[in-house]
Each structure stands twice: as structure tokens, then as C-alpha cells.
Protein backbone atom coordinates (compact mmCIF):
# COMPACT_ATOMS: atom_id res chain seq x y z
CA MET A 1 -17.65 -2.14 0.80
CA GLN A 2 -16.98 -1.38 -2.99
CA TYR A 3 -14.80 1.34 -4.06
CA ASP A 4 -15.57 2.98 -7.52
CA ILE A 5 -11.28 3.90 -8.56
CA PRO A 6 -9.72 2.61 -11.72
CA SER A 7 -8.05 -0.55 -11.95
CA ASN A 8 -5.95 -2.74 -13.71
CA SER A 9 -6.78 -6.40 -15.74
CA ASN A 10 -6.42 -8.03 -12.10
CA SER A 11 -8.79 -5.67 -10.78
CA LYS A 12 -6.01 -4.04 -8.37
CA MET A 13 -5.73 -0.67 -7.27
CA ILE A 14 -3.51 0.98 -10.01
CA GLN A 15 -0.33 2.86 -8.97
CA LYS A 16 -1.44 6.46 -9.56
CA VAL A 17 -4.46 5.49 -7.65
CA TYR A 18 -2.05 4.73 -4.73
CA LEU A 19 0.05 8.07 -5.17
CA ASP A 20 -2.92 10.25 -5.86
CA ALA A 21 -5.11 8.79 -3.13
CA ILE A 22 -2.84 7.69 -0.49
CA LEU A 23 0.59 8.57 -0.36
CA LYS A 24 -0.07 12.57 -1.32
CA PRO A 25 -2.80 13.19 0.34
CA VAL A 26 -2.53 11.05 3.81
CA VAL A 27 1.55 10.02 3.71
CA LYS A 28 2.84 13.41 2.30
CA PRO A 29 1.53 15.81 4.84
CA TRP A 30 3.12 13.75 7.89
CA LEU A 31 6.31 13.83 6.20
CA ASP A 32 6.08 17.78 5.81
CA GLN A 33 5.43 17.73 9.36
CA GLY A 34 8.69 16.09 10.43
CA ALA A 35 7.26 13.13 11.44
CA HIS A 36 9.21 9.64 12.08
CA PHE A 37 7.85 6.96 10.48
CA ILE A 38 8.66 3.67 8.43
CA LEU A 39 5.60 2.73 6.18
CA GLU A 40 5.40 -0.94 6.11
CA GLU A 41 3.72 -2.53 2.73
CA ASP A 42 3.19 -5.70 1.82
CA GLY A 43 4.69 -6.57 -1.93
CA ASP A 44 1.25 -5.96 -4.08
CA SER A 45 2.54 -4.53 -6.88
CA TRP A 46 0.72 -0.99 -6.45
CA HIS A 47 3.22 -0.26 -3.64
CA GLY A 48 5.99 -0.25 -5.97
CA PRO A 49 8.75 -3.14 -5.12
CA LEU A 50 9.55 -3.79 -8.22
CA GLY A 51 11.48 -1.86 -10.91
CA GLN A 52 11.65 2.20 -11.69
CA ASN A 53 7.72 3.00 -11.35
CA ILE A 54 5.68 6.17 -10.12
CA GLY A 55 5.19 4.69 -6.23
CA LYS A 56 8.81 3.92 -5.88
CA LYS A 57 10.04 7.09 -7.48
CA TRP A 58 7.44 9.66 -5.34
CA LYS A 59 9.07 7.30 -2.10
CA GLN A 60 12.49 8.26 -3.27
CA LYS A 61 12.31 11.89 -4.21
CA HIS A 62 10.70 12.36 -0.95
CA GLY A 63 12.89 10.78 1.67
CA LEU A 64 10.08 8.03 2.42
CA ARG A 65 10.98 5.02 4.65
CA HIS A 66 9.40 2.22 3.53
CA PHE A 67 10.06 -1.51 3.88
CA PHE A 68 8.26 -4.50 2.14
CA ASN A 69 7.07 -7.15 4.35
CA CYS A 70 6.59 -10.59 3.51
CA PRO A 71 2.59 -10.35 2.78
CA GLY A 72 1.80 -14.39 3.27
CA SER A 73 3.39 -14.81 6.68
CA PRO A 74 1.35 -13.85 9.74
CA ASP A 75 4.29 -13.91 11.85
CA MET A 76 6.47 -11.24 10.04
CA SER A 77 3.24 -9.39 8.91
CA PRO A 78 0.54 -9.23 11.94
CA ILE A 79 -2.38 -7.52 10.29
CA GLU A 80 -2.64 -10.33 7.92
CA LYS A 81 -4.70 -11.90 11.11
CA ALA A 82 -6.81 -8.66 10.86
CA TRP A 83 -8.00 -9.52 7.22
CA LYS A 84 -8.58 -13.46 8.14
CA VAL A 85 -12.49 -12.23 9.14
CA PRO A 86 -13.12 -10.20 7.01
CA GLY A 87 -11.61 -11.75 3.78
CA MET A 88 -13.97 -14.92 4.80
CA ALA A 89 -17.01 -13.15 4.96
CA ILE A 90 -16.18 -11.42 1.53
CA LYS A 91 -15.98 -14.97 0.13
CA ASP A 92 -19.06 -16.38 1.15
CA VAL A 93 -21.06 -13.24 -0.33
């Protein structure tokens, strides 16, 4: 599957796309409904873990509780195990 989204020079999703395609339309309604959750993200730059960027500012403004997990550790981030098979299939293409 291929996505046609604006990206940076590393072909990663840019923060504005993350904000406009995920945080605003998906996460914000949960916050507005009063849902109690903590968003788990890896340390990818488009999640906004470093500095003052639009993703980090939006999360602070809307009181989104979140944390950054260690993306390279299957013990700390169980979702990493789920990506192994699709990742291997992509490498073979």
C-alpha cells in the first residue's frame, strides 16, 4: 500500500500531516468526548518528541497525555513485534 502524503527529505510523514490527518480528526474527538487515555508514540520525529514543534504544541494546548516509548525494544514496545512480518514482506518487494 502506498500513501500519497507530503513528506520530508527522509520520506517520513511531516508533522503538519500528522497533525491534520491523525491528531485533529482522530485524537481530538476522543479528547472532546472526555475519553481517558494516554497516547503511546515512538520517538519518530513527526510525533514531536524534541523541541517546540507543532505536534508538541498541539498536544500541550489540548491536554493530550502521551509518552514516547523506545521504538527499538520489543519488550518496551510490543507493537514492534507486529511489524516484523509486514516489514519483511516490504523488503522483498
